[in-house]
Amino acid sequence: MRHTIQFMMPALLFLAGCIDQGDVKNPTPLENTMDVDYPIELWDQDIEGSSLLRLRITFEGMVDSVLVLESSGYPAFDSSAVRAAKQMEFSPASRDGEDISVWARVPITFTKK
């Protein structure tokens, strides 16, 4: 079952390295670039959960690495979150006007609400 996950920017915790090297502007997710499949077997059982991912967002705004920092406890949720995260696109982070690569923590919540 397809379910589009919406999330707020404050939920994204960006890690850009040494902030004292200039002002860092966080990457912004582009609209409609995160389409998450809610695993049908978990949907049918009314199971909800969330996975915390760590994404490396390139200076081009693409995701090139995804790690599961905190598992939902359900491999199907974690796998679905990772697949969706790999397809996300962002306006890139920048420091002093120059696009940079950063790591970001992104929570993905699976809820039927």
PDB file of N, CA and C in Angstrom:
ATOM      1  N   MET A   1       0.842  -1.160   0.000  1.00  0.00           N
ATOM      2  CA  MET A   1       0.000   0.000   0.000  1.00  0.00           C
ATOM      3  C   MET A   1       0.895   1.233   0.000  1.00  0.00           C
ATOM      4  N   ARG A   2       0.602   2.170  -0.866  1.00  0.00           N
ATOM      5  CA  ARG A   2       1.365   3.407  -0.960  1.00  0.00           C
ATOM      6  C   ARG A   2       0.867   4.382   0.095  1.00  0.00           C
ATOM      7  N   HIS A   3       1.799   5.025   0.765  1.00  0.00           N
ATOM      8  CA  HIS A   3       1.463   6.018   1.774  1.00  0.00           C
ATOM      9  C   HIS A   3       2.512   7.106   1.693  1.00  0.00           C
ATOM     10  N   THR A   4       2.095   8.336   1.477  1.00  0.00           N
ATOM     11  CA  THR A   4       3.042   9.426   1.400  1.00  0.00           C
ATOM     12  C   THR A   4       3.298   9.949   2.800  1.00  0.00           C
ATOM     13  N   ILE A   5       4.554   9.955   3.192  1.00  0.00           N
ATOM     14  CA  ILE A   5       4.943  10.405   4.516  1.00  0.00           C
ATOM     15  C   ILE A   5       5.215  11.908   4.449  1.00  0.00           C
ATOM     16  N   GLN A   6       4.605  12.645   5.330  1.00  0.00           N
ATOM     17  CA  GLN A   6       4.861  14.079   5.449  1.00  0.00           C
ATOM     18  C   GLN A   6       5.672  14.295   6.708  1.00  0.00           C
ATOM     19  N   PHE A   7       6.609  15.204   6.686  1.00  0.00           N
ATOM     20  CA  PHE A   7       7.359  15.504   7.890  1.00  0.00           C
ATOM     21  C   PHE A   7       7.745  16.972   7.877  1.00  0.00           C
ATOM     22  N   MET A   8       7.967  17.487   9.061  1.00  0.00           N
ATOM     23  CA  MET A   8       8.305  18.895   9.229  1.00  0.00           C
ATOM     24  C   MET A   8       9.819  19.057   9.272  1.00  0.00           C
ATOM     25  N   MET A   9      10.315  20.166   8.810  1.00  0.00           N
ATOM     26  CA  MET A   9      11.748  20.438   8.859  1.00  0.00           C
ATOM     27  C   MET A   9      12.325  20.331  10.266  1.00  0.00           C
ATOM     28  N   PRO A  10      11.643  20.799  11.344  1.00  0.00           N
ATOM     29  CA  PRO A  10      12.259  20.646  12.661  1.00  0.00           C
ATOM     30  C   PRO A  10      12.517  19.189  13.037  1.00  0.00           C
ATOM     31  N   ALA A  11      11.803  18.259  12.409  1.00  0.00           N
ATOM     32  CA  ALA A  11      12.021  16.843  12.709  1.00  0.00           C
ATOM     33  C   ALA A  11      13.331  16.343  12.113  1.00  0.00           C
ATOM     34  N   LEU A  12      13.865  17.080  11.155  1.00  0.00           N
ATOM     35  CA  LEU A  12      15.129  16.695  10.533  1.00  0.00           C
ATOM     36  C   LEU A  12      16.270  17.314  11.326  1.00  0.00           C
ATOM     37  N   LEU A  13      17.157  16.477  11.812  1.00  0.00           N
ATOM     38  CA  LEU A  13      18.277  16.971  12.593  1.00  0.00           C
ATOM     39  C   LEU A  13      19.519  16.896  11.735  1.00  0.00           C
ATOM     40  N   PHE A  14      19.976  18.010  11.220  1.00  0.00           N
ATOM     41  CA  PHE A  14      21.079  18.009  10.285  1.00  0.00           C
ATOM     42  C   PHE A  14      22.407  18.144  10.989  1.00  0.00           C
ATOM     43  N   LEU A  15      23.366  17.372  10.521  1.00  0.00           N
ATOM     44  CA  LEU A  15      24.722  17.421  11.039  1.00  0.00           C
ATOM     45  C   LEU A  15      25.616  17.879   9.908  1.00  0.00           C
ATOM     46  N   ALA A  16      26.184  19.041  10.038  1.00  0.00           N
ATOM     47  CA  ALA A  16      26.977  19.589   8.945  1.00  0.00           C
ATOM     48  C   ALA A  16      28.446  19.734   9.297  1.00  0.00           C
ATOM     49  N   GLY A  17      28.897  19.047  10.303  1.00  0.00           N
ATOM     50  CA  GLY A  17      30.305  19.152  10.652  1.00  0.00           C
ATOM     51  C   GLY A  17      30.568  20.377  11.487  1.00  0.00           C
ATOM     52  N   CYS A  18      31.650  21.032  11.212  1.00  0.00           N
ATOM     53  CA  CYS A  18      32.070  22.181  12.011  1.00  0.00           C
ATOM     54  C   CYS A  18      31.299  23.424  11.594  1.00  0.00           C
ATOM     55  N   ILE A  19      30.357  23.808  12.406  1.00  0.00           N
ATOM     56  CA  ILE A  19      29.511  24.958  12.105  1.00  0.00           C
ATOM     57  C   ILE A  19      30.328  26.254  12.177  1.00  0.00           C
ATOM     58  N   ASP A  20      31.402  26.282  12.949  1.00  0.00           N
ATOM     59  CA  ASP A  20      32.179  27.501  13.102  1.00  0.00           C
ATOM     60  C   ASP A  20      32.959  27.872  11.835  1.00  0.00           C
ATOM     61  N   GLN A  21      32.868  27.059  10.801  1.00  0.00           N
ATOM     62  CA  GLN A  21      33.541  27.358   9.545  1.00  0.00           C
ATOM     63  C   GLN A  21      32.661  28.196   8.624  1.00  0.00           C
ATOM     64  N   GLY A  22      31.566  28.710   9.139  1.00  0.00           N
ATOM     65  CA  GLY A  22      30.654  29.526   8.352  1.00  0.00           C
ATOM     66  C   GLY A  22      29.224  29.119   8.633  1.00  0.00           C
ATOM     67  N   ASP A  23      28.297  29.956   8.221  1.00  0.00           N
ATOM     68  CA  ASP A  23      26.888  29.652   8.424  1.00  0.00           C
ATOM     69  C   ASP A  23      26.441  28.565   7.456  1.00  0.00           C
ATOM     70  N   VAL A  24      25.808  27.524   8.021  1.00  0.00           N
ATOM     71  CA  VAL A  24      25.341  26.418   7.196  1.00  0.00           C
ATOM     72  C   VAL A  24      23.833  26.521   7.028  1.00  0.00           C
ATOM     73  N   LYS A  25      23.392  26.467   5.802  1.00  0.00           N
ATOM     74  CA  LYS A  25      21.960  26.430   5.487  1.00  0.00           C
ATOM     75  C   LYS A  25      21.609  24.966   5.266  1.00  0.00           C
ATOM     76  N   ASN A  26      20.656  24.447   6.045  1.00  0.00           N
ATOM     77  CA  ASN A  26      20.276  23.038   5.950  1.00  0.00           C
ATOM     78  C   ASN A  26      19.622  22.717   4.610  1.00  0.00           C
ATOM     79  N   PRO A  27      19.758  21.469   4.161  1.00  0.00           N
ATOM     80  CA  PRO A  27      19.051  21.052   2.947  1.00  0.00           C
ATOM     81  C   PRO A  27      17.548  21.017   3.221  1.00  0.00           C
ATOM     82  N   THR A  28      16.780  21.183   2.178  1.00  0.00           N
ATOM     83  CA  THR A  28      15.329  21.162   2.296  1.00  0.00           C
ATOM     84  C   THR A  28      14.786  20.069   1.389  1.00  0.00           C
ATOM     85  N   PRO A  29      13.942  19.170   1.934  1.00  0.00           N
ATOM     86  CA  PRO A  29      13.379  18.125   1.059  1.00  0.00           C
ATOM     87  C   PRO A  29      12.473  18.742   0.005  1.00  0.00           C
ATOM     88  N   LEU A  30      12.611  18.258  -1.218  1.00  0.00           N
ATOM     89  CA  LEU A  30      11.746  18.721  -2.294  1.00  0.00           C
ATOM     90  C   LEU A  30      10.392  18.033  -2.173  1.00  0.00           C
ATOM     91  N   GLU A  31       9.344  18.770  -2.470  1.00  0.00           N
ATOM     92  CA  GLU A  31       7.993  18.221  -2.362  1.00  0.00           C
ATOM     93  C   GLU A  31       7.823  16.987  -3.239  1.00  0.00           C
ATOM     94  N   ASN A  32       7.009  16.082  -2.746  1.00  0.00           N
ATOM     95  CA  ASN A  32       6.621  14.873  -3.487  1.00  0.00           C
ATOM     96  C   ASN A  32       7.797  13.975  -3.860  1.00  0.00           C
ATOM     97  N   THR A  33       8.877  14.008  -3.078  1.00  0.00           N
ATOM     98  CA  THR A  33       9.998  13.120  -3.395  1.00  0.00           C
ATOM     99  C   THR A  33      10.119  11.979  -2.398  1.00  0.00           C
ATOM    100  N   MET A  34       9.163  11.865  -1.478  1.00  0.00           N
ATOM    101  CA  MET A  34       9.232  10.762  -0.523  1.00  0.00           C
ATOM    102  C   MET A  34       7.920  10.008  -0.541  1.00  0.00           C
ATOM    103  N   ASP A  35       7.926   8.902  -1.221  1.00  0.00           N
ATOM    104  CA  ASP A  35       6.758   8.053  -1.334  1.00  0.00           C
ATOM    105  C   ASP A  35       7.102   6.719  -0.695  1.00  0.00           C
ATOM    106  N   VAL A  36       6.537   6.460   0.477  1.00  0.00           N
ATOM    107  CA  VAL A  36       6.883   5.288   1.271  1.00  0.00           C
ATOM    108  C   VAL A  36       5.802   4.229   1.144  1.00  0.00           C
ATOM    109  N   ASP A  37       6.211   2.992   0.905  1.00  0.00           N
ATOM    110  CA  ASP A  37       5.273   1.877   0.909  1.00  0.00           C
ATOM    111  C   ASP A  37       5.054   1.412   2.339  1.00  0.00           C
ATOM    112  N   TYR A  38       3.803   1.413   2.779  1.00  0.00           N
ATOM    113  CA  TYR A  38       3.446   0.877   4.093  1.00  0.00           C
ATOM    114  C   TYR A  38       3.288  -0.619   3.878  1.00  0.00           C
ATOM    115  N   PRO A  39       4.109  -1.448   4.493  1.00  0.00           N
ATOM    116  CA  PRO A  39       4.036  -2.898   4.250  1.00  0.00           C
ATOM    117  C   PRO A  39       2.620  -3.431   4.527  1.00  0.00           C
ATOM    118  N   ILE A  40       2.034  -4.056   3.541  1.00  0.00           N
ATOM    119  CA  ILE A  40       0.632  -4.474   3.605  1.00  0.00           C
ATOM    120  C   ILE A  40       0.353  -5.407   4.778  1.00  0.00           C
ATOM    121  N   GLU A  41       1.313  -6.299   5.089  1.00  0.00           N
ATOM    122  CA  GLU A  41       1.087  -7.233   6.197  1.00  0.00           C
ATOM    123  C   GLU A  41       1.017  -6.502   7.531  1.00  0.00           C
ATOM    124  N   LEU A  42       1.763  -5.415   7.680  1.00  0.00           N
ATOM    125  CA  LEU A  42       1.713  -4.626   8.915  1.00  0.00           C
ATOM    126  C   LEU A  42       0.482  -3.720   8.931  1.00  0.00           C
ATOM    127  N   TRP A  43       0.098  -3.222   7.766  1.00  0.00           N
ATOM    128  CA  TRP A  43      -1.128  -2.425   7.649  1.00  0.00           C
ATOM    129  C   TRP A  43      -2.334  -3.261   8.066  1.00  0.00           C
ATOM    130  N   ASP A  44      -2.406  -4.470   7.540  1.00  0.00           N
ATOM    131  CA  ASP A  44      -3.544  -5.346   7.839  1.00  0.00           C
ATOM    132  C   ASP A  44      -3.627  -5.710   9.319  1.00  0.00           C
ATOM    133  N   GLN A  45      -2.492  -5.709  10.010  1.00  0.00           N
ATOM    134  CA  GLN A  45      -2.466  -6.047  11.438  1.00  0.00           C
ATOM    135  C   GLN A  45      -2.548  -4.799  12.332  1.00  0.00           C
ATOM    136  N   ASP A  46      -2.761  -3.630  11.727  1.00  0.00           N
ATOM    137  CA  ASP A  46      -2.834  -2.359  12.464  1.00  0.00           C
ATOM    138  C   ASP A  46      -1.565  -2.074  13.270  1.00  0.00           C
ATOM    139  N   ILE A  47      -0.413  -2.459  12.713  1.00  0.00           N
ATOM    140  CA  ILE A  47       0.867  -2.218  13.378  1.00  0.00           C
ATOM    141  C   ILE A  47       1.440  -0.898  12.867  1.00  0.00           C
ATOM    142  N   GLU A  48       1.885  -0.076  13.799  1.00  0.00           N
ATOM    143  CA  GLU A  48       2.521   1.187  13.465  1.00  0.00           C
ATOM    144  C   GLU A  48       3.932   1.192  14.043  1.00  0.00           C
ATOM    145  N   GLY A  49       4.763   2.101  13.562  1.00  0.00           N
ATOM    146  CA  GLY A  49       6.125   2.180  14.071  1.00  0.00           C
ATOM    147  C   GLY A  49       6.893   3.300  13.404  1.00  0.00           C
ATOM    148  N   SER A  50       8.130   3.474  13.830  1.00  0.00           N
ATOM    149  CA  SER A  50       8.971   4.489  13.200  1.00  0.00           C
ATOM    150  C   SER A  50      10.424   4.025  13.172  1.00  0.00           C
ATOM    151  N   SER A  51      11.119   4.479  12.156  1.00  0.00           N
ATOM    152  CA  SER A  51      12.533   4.182  11.963  1.00  0.00           C
ATOM    153  C   SER A  51      13.276   5.512  11.929  1.00  0.00           C
ATOM    154  N   LEU A  52      14.438   5.564  12.556  1.00  0.00           N
ATOM    155  CA  LEU A  52      15.272   6.758  12.486  1.00  0.00           C
ATOM    156  C   LEU A  52      16.427   6.449  11.539  1.00  0.00           C
ATOM    157  N   LEU A  53      16.516   7.239  10.475  1.00  0.00           N
ATOM    158  CA  LEU A  53      17.532   7.025   9.451  1.00  0.00           C
ATOM    159  C   LEU A  53      18.588   8.122   9.504  1.00  0.00           C
ATOM    160  N   ARG A  54      19.759   7.777   9.026  1.00  0.00           N
ATOM    161  CA  ARG A  54      20.824   8.754   8.820  1.00  0.00           C
ATOM    162  C   ARG A  54      21.111   8.773   7.327  1.00  0.00           C
ATOM    163  N   LEU A  55      20.941   9.948   6.713  1.00  0.00           N
ATOM    164  CA  LEU A  55      21.125  10.103   5.275  1.00  0.00           C
ATOM    165  C   LEU A  55      22.339  10.970   4.996  1.00  0.00           C
ATOM    166  N   ARG A  56      23.078  10.631   3.971  1.00  0.00           N
ATOM    167  CA  ARG A  56      24.121  11.534   3.478  1.00  0.00           C
ATOM    168  C   ARG A  56      23.550  12.198   2.238  1.00  0.00           C
ATOM    169  N   ILE A  57      23.410  13.504   2.339  1.00  0.00           N
ATOM    170  CA  ILE A  57      22.845  14.289   1.245  1.00  0.00           C
ATOM    171  C   ILE A  57      23.999  15.001   0.557  1.00  0.00           C
ATOM    172  N   THR A  58      24.152  14.739  -0.732  1.00  0.00           N
ATOM    173  CA  THR A  58      25.283  15.287  -1.476  1.00  0.00           C
ATOM    174  C   THR A  58      25.089  16.776  -1.767  1.00  0.00           C
ATOM    175  N   PHE A  59      26.156  17.394  -2.231  1.00  0.00           N
ATOM    176  CA  PHE A  59      26.098  18.812  -2.599  1.00  0.00           C
ATOM    177  C   PHE A  59      25.166  19.043  -3.793  1.00  0.00           C
ATOM    178  N   GLU A  60      24.735  17.952  -4.442  1.00  0.00           N
ATOM    179  CA  GLU A  60      23.772  18.042  -5.544  1.00  0.00           C
ATOM    180  C   GLU A  60      22.336  17.822  -5.063  1.00  0.00           C
ATOM    181  N   GLY A  61      22.151  17.497  -3.759  1.00  0.00           N
ATOM    182  CA  GLY A  61      20.822  17.292  -3.207  1.00  0.00           C
ATOM    183  C   GLY A  61      20.308  15.864  -3.313  1.00  0.00           C
ATOM    184  N   MET A  62      21.185  14.936  -3.680  1.00  0.00           N
ATOM    185  CA  MET A  62      20.800  13.533  -3.797  1.00  0.00           C
ATOM    186  C   MET A  62      21.228  12.770  -2.544  1.00  0.00           C
ATOM    187  N   VAL A  63      20.528  11.691  -2.241  1.00  0.00           N
ATOM    188  CA  VAL A  63      20.892  10.837  -1.109  1.00  0.00           C
ATOM    189  C   VAL A  63      21.804   9.742  -1.642  1.00  0.00           C
ATOM    190  N   ASP A  64      23.017   9.655  -1.085  1.00  0.00           N
ATOM    191  CA  ASP A  64      23.915   8.609  -1.579  1.00  0.00           C
ATOM    192  C   ASP A  64      24.213   7.530  -0.541  1.00  0.00           C
ATOM    193  N   SER A  65      23.806   7.730   0.719  1.00  0.00           N
ATOM    194  CA  SER A  65      23.991   6.707   1.745  1.00  0.00           C
ATOM    195  C   SER A  65      22.838   6.784   2.736  1.00  0.00           C
ATOM    196  N   VAL A  66      22.391   5.619   3.192  1.00  0.00           N
ATOM    197  CA  VAL A  66      21.315   5.559   4.185  1.00  0.00           C
ATOM    198  C   VAL A  66      21.678   4.496   5.213  1.00  0.00           C
ATOM    199  N   LEU A  67      21.579   4.860   6.485  1.00  0.00           N
ATOM    200  CA  LEU A  67      21.811   3.934   7.587  1.00  0.00           C
ATOM    201  C   LEU A  67      20.603   3.961   8.511  1.00  0.00           C
ATOM    202  N   VAL A  68      20.248   2.822   9.084  1.00  0.00           N
ATOM    203  CA  VAL A  68      19.190   2.776  10.086  1.00  0.00           C
ATOM    204  C   VAL A  68      19.850   2.988  11.446  1.00  0.00           C
ATOM    205  N   LEU A  69      19.551   4.126  12.083  1.00  0.00           N
ATOM    206  CA  LEU A  69      20.114   4.426  13.408  1.00  0.00           C
ATOM    207  C   LEU A  69      19.293   3.774  14.512  1.00  0.00           C
ATOM    208  N   GLU A  70      17.965   3.820  14.360  1.00  0.00           N
ATOM    209  CA  GLU A  70      17.070   3.192  15.325  1.00  0.00           C
ATOM    210  C   GLU A  70      16.006   2.429  14.555  1.00  0.00           C
ATOM    211  N   SER A  71      15.965   1.135  14.767  1.00  0.00           N
ATOM    212  CA  SER A  71      15.011   0.283  14.082  1.00  0.00           C
ATOM    213  C   SER A  71      13.614   0.448  14.670  1.00  0.00           C
ATOM    214  N   SER A  72      12.633   0.259  13.837  1.00  0.00           N
ATOM    215  CA  SER A  72      11.243   0.259  14.282  1.00  0.00           C
ATOM    216  C   SER A  72      10.918  -1.030  15.038  1.00  0.00           C
ATOM    217  N   GLY A  73      11.782  -2.024  14.875  1.00  0.00           N
ATOM    218  CA  GLY A  73      11.510  -3.344  15.432  1.00  0.00           C
ATOM    219  C   GLY A  73      10.859  -4.259  14.406  1.00  0.00           C
ATOM    220  N   TYR A  74      10.568  -3.698  13.240  1.00  0.00           N
ATOM    221  CA  TYR A  74       9.952  -4.458  12.153  1.00  0.00           C
ATOM    222  C   TYR A  74      10.810  -4.295  10.900  1.00  0.00           C
ATOM    223  N   PRO A  75      11.480  -5.343  10.458  1.00  0.00           N
ATOM    224  CA  PRO A  75      12.337  -5.225   9.271  1.00  0.00           C
ATOM    225  C   PRO A  75      11.603  -4.671   8.048  1.00  0.00           C
ATOM    226  N   ALA A  76      10.322  -4.969   7.918  1.00  0.00           N
ATOM    227  CA  ALA A  76       9.576  -4.473   6.761  1.00  0.00           C
ATOM    228  C   ALA A  76       9.459  -2.947   6.785  1.00  0.00           C
ATOM    229  N   PHE A  77       9.255  -2.348   7.967  1.00  0.00           N
ATOM    230  CA  PHE A  77       9.210  -0.883   8.069  1.00  0.00           C
ATOM    231  C   PHE A  77      10.577  -0.295   7.744  1.00  0.00           C
ATOM    232  N   ASP A  78      11.616  -0.855   8.347  1.00  0.00           N
ATOM    233  CA  ASP A  78      12.965  -0.328   8.132  1.00  0.00           C
ATOM    234  C   ASP A  78      13.360  -0.399   6.657  1.00  0.00           C
ATOM    235  N   SER A  79      13.088  -1.510   6.024  1.00  0.00           N
ATOM    236  CA  SER A  79      13.425  -1.671   4.599  1.00  0.00           C
ATOM    237  C   SER A  79      12.663  -0.687   3.730  1.00  0.00           C
ATOM    238  N   SER A  80      11.386  -0.514   4.014  1.00  0.00           N
ATOM    239  CA  SER A  80      10.569   0.420   3.249  1.00  0.00           C
ATOM    240  C   SER A  80      11.070   1.849   3.423  1.00  0.00           C
ATOM    241  N   ALA A  81      11.437   2.216   4.642  1.00  0.00           N
ATOM    242  CA  ALA A  81      11.953   3.561   4.914  1.00  0.00           C
ATOM    243  C   ALA A  81      13.264   3.794   4.167  1.00  0.00           C
ATOM    244  N   VAL A  82      14.153   2.814   4.167  1.00  0.00           N
ATOM    245  CA  VAL A  82      15.436   2.945   3.473  1.00  0.00           C
ATOM    246  C   VAL A  82      15.211   3.087   1.967  1.00  0.00           C
ATOM    247  N   ARG A  83      14.337   2.263   1.397  1.00  0.00           N
ATOM    248  CA  ARG A  83      14.054   2.361  -0.051  1.00  0.00           C
ATOM    249  C   ARG A  83      13.534   3.749  -0.411  1.00  0.00           C
ATOM    250  N   ALA A  84      12.623   4.267   0.391  1.00  0.00           N
ATOM    251  CA  ALA A  84      12.048   5.589   0.119  1.00  0.00           C
ATOM    252  C   ALA A  84      13.098   6.690   0.269  1.00  0.00           C
ATOM    253  N   ALA A  85      13.921   6.589   1.308  1.00  0.00           N
ATOM    254  CA  ALA A  85      14.938   7.619   1.545  1.00  0.00           C
ATOM    255  C   ALA A  85      15.921   7.717   0.392  1.00  0.00           C
ATOM    256  N   LYS A  86      16.255   6.597  -0.216  1.00  0.00           N
ATOM    257  CA  LYS A  86      17.194   6.601  -1.341  1.00  0.00           C
ATOM    258  C   LYS A  86      16.648   7.363  -2.541  1.00  0.00           C
ATOM    259  N   GLN A  87      15.324   7.528  -2.605  1.00  0.00           N
ATOM    260  CA  GLN A  87      14.700   8.227  -3.724  1.00  0.00           C
ATOM    261  C   GLN A  87      14.469   9.718  -3.450  1.00  0.00           C
ATOM    262  N   MET A  88      14.699  10.143  -2.212  1.00  0.00           N
ATOM    263  CA  MET A  88      14.456  11.545  -1.865  1.00  0.00           C
ATOM    264  C   MET A  88      15.426  12.475  -2.577  1.00  0.00           C
ATOM    265  N   GLU A  89      14.954  13.694  -2.780  1.00  0.00           N
ATOM    266  CA  GLU A  89      15.791  14.747  -3.343  1.00  0.00           C
ATOM    267  C   GLU A  89      15.641  15.983  -2.464  1.00  0.00           C
ATOM    268  N   PHE A  90      16.701  16.751  -2.376  1.00  0.00           N
ATOM    269  CA  PHE A  90      16.738  17.934  -1.529  1.00  0.00           C
ATOM    270  C   PHE A  90      17.300  19.117  -2.301  1.00  0.00           C
ATOM    271  N   SER A  91      16.932  20.315  -1.847  1.00  0.00           N
ATOM    272  CA  SER A  91      17.748  21.452  -2.249  1.00  0.00           C
ATOM    273  C   SER A  91      18.973  21.311  -1.345  1.00  0.00           C
ATOM    274  N   PRO A  92      20.164  21.402  -1.881  1.00  0.00           N
ATOM    275  CA  PRO A  92      21.347  21.059  -1.097  1.00  0.00           C
ATOM    276  C   PRO A  92      21.611  22.021   0.057  1.00  0.00           C
ATOM    277  N   ALA A  93      22.357  21.514   1.031  1.00  0.00           N
ATOM    278  CA  ALA A  93      22.853  22.359   2.105  1.00  0.00           C
ATOM    279  C   ALA A  93      23.921  23.269   1.518  1.00  0.00           C
ATOM    280  N   SER A  94      24.142  24.386   2.185  1.00  0.00           N
ATOM    281  CA  SER A  94      25.193  25.274   1.707  1.00  0.00           C
ATOM    282  C   SER A  94      25.884  25.948   2.889  1.00  0.00           C
ATOM    283  N   ARG A  95      27.116  26.298   2.657  1.00  0.00           N
ATOM    284  CA  ARG A  95      27.905  27.046   3.636  1.00  0.00           C
ATOM    285  C   ARG A  95      28.506  28.230   2.904  1.00  0.00           C
ATOM    286  N   ASP A  96      28.183  29.408   3.395  1.00  0.00           N
ATOM    287  CA  ASP A  96      28.695  30.636   2.780  1.00  0.00           C
ATOM    288  C   ASP A  96      28.425  30.674   1.279  1.00  0.00           C
ATOM    289  N   GLY A  97      27.234  30.212   0.880  1.00  0.00           N
ATOM    290  CA  GLY A  97      26.823  30.272  -0.515  1.00  0.00           C
ATOM    291  C   GLY A  97      27.296  29.120  -1.379  1.00  0.00           C
ATOM    292  N   GLU A  98      28.093  28.212  -0.832  1.00  0.00           N
ATOM    293  CA  GLU A  98      28.599  27.073  -1.603  1.00  0.00           C
ATOM    294  C   GLU A  98      27.878  25.801  -1.175  1.00  0.00           C
ATOM    295  N   ASP A  99      27.359  25.036  -2.141  1.00  0.00           N
ATOM    296  CA  ASP A  99      26.663  23.784  -1.841  1.00  0.00           C
ATOM    297  C   ASP A  99      27.640  22.779  -1.232  1.00  0.00           C
ATOM    298  N   ILE A 100      27.167  22.081  -0.171  1.00  0.00           N
ATOM    299  CA  ILE A 100      28.014  21.111   0.525  1.00  0.00           C
ATOM    300  C   ILE A 100      27.229  19.826   0.781  1.00  0.00           C
ATOM    301  N   SER A 101      27.942  18.747   1.048  1.00  0.00           N
ATOM    302  CA  SER A 101      27.334  17.477   1.457  1.00  0.00           C
ATOM    303  C   SER A 101      27.219  17.467   2.968  1.00  0.00           C
ATOM    304  N   VAL A 102      26.119  16.875   3.473  1.00  0.00           N
ATOM    305  CA  VAL A 102      25.904  16.787   4.919  1.00  0.00           C
ATOM    306  C   VAL A 102      25.265  15.449   5.255  1.00  0.00           C
ATOM    307  N   TRP A 103      25.345  15.096   6.531  1.00  0.00           N
ATOM    308  CA  TRP A 103      24.602  13.959   7.067  1.00  0.00           C
ATOM    309  C   TRP A 103      23.376  14.514   7.777  1.00  0.00           C
ATOM    310  N   ALA A 104      22.251  13.812   7.676  1.00  0.00           N
ATOM    311  CA  ALA A 104      21.017  14.247   8.339  1.00  0.00           C
ATOM    312  C   ALA A 104      20.349  13.058   9.000  1.00  0.00           C
ATOM    313  N   ARG A 105      19.704  13.298  10.126  1.00  0.00           N
ATOM    314  CA  ARG A 105      18.881  12.281  10.787  1.00  0.00           C
ATOM    315  C   ARG A 105      17.442  12.551  10.394  1.00  0.00           C
ATOM    316  N   VAL A 106      16.783  11.520   9.883  1.00  0.00           N
ATOM    317  CA  VAL A 106      15.411  11.676   9.413  1.00  0.00           C
ATOM    318  C   VAL A 106      14.532  10.579  10.013  1.00  0.00           C
ATOM    319  N   PRO A 107      13.534  10.961  10.810  1.00  0.00           N
ATOM    320  CA  PRO A 107      12.598   9.959  11.329  1.00  0.00           C
ATOM    321  C   PRO A 107      11.511   9.680  10.291  1.00  0.00           C
ATOM    322  N   ILE A 108      11.178   8.413  10.113  1.00  0.00           N
ATOM    323  CA  ILE A 108      10.089   8.000   9.228  1.00  0.00           C
ATOM    324  C   ILE A 108       9.070   7.287  10.099  1.00  0.00           C
ATOM    325  N   THR A 109       7.862   7.820  10.160  1.00  0.00           N
ATOM    326  CA  THR A 109       6.819   7.243  11.002  1.00  0.00           C
ATOM    327  C   THR A 109       5.741   6.610  10.142  1.00  0.00           C
ATOM    328  N   PHE A 110       5.419   5.375  10.454  1.00  0.00           N
ATOM    329  CA  PHE A 110       4.350   4.648   9.767  1.00  0.00           C
ATOM    330  C   PHE A 110       3.132   4.666  10.678  1.00  0.00           C
ATOM    331  N   THR A 111       2.109   5.372  10.251  1.00  0.00           N
ATOM    332  CA  THR A 111       0.889   5.461  11.041  1.00  0.00           C
ATOM    333  C   THR A 111      -0.317   5.384  10.119  1.00  0.00           C
ATOM    334  N   LYS A 112      -1.374   4.842  10.615  1.00  0.00           N
ATOM    335  CA  LYS A 112      -2.603   4.724   9.815  1.00  0.00           C
ATOM    336  C   LYS A 112      -3.487   5.961   9.963  1.00  0.00           C
ATOM    337  N   LYS A 113      -3.063   6.908  10.769  1.00  0.00           N
ATOM    338  CA  LYS A 113      -3.848   8.138  10.980  1.00  0.00           C
ATOM    339  C   LYS A 113      -3.670   9.099   9.848  1.00  0.00           C
TER     340      LYS A 113
END
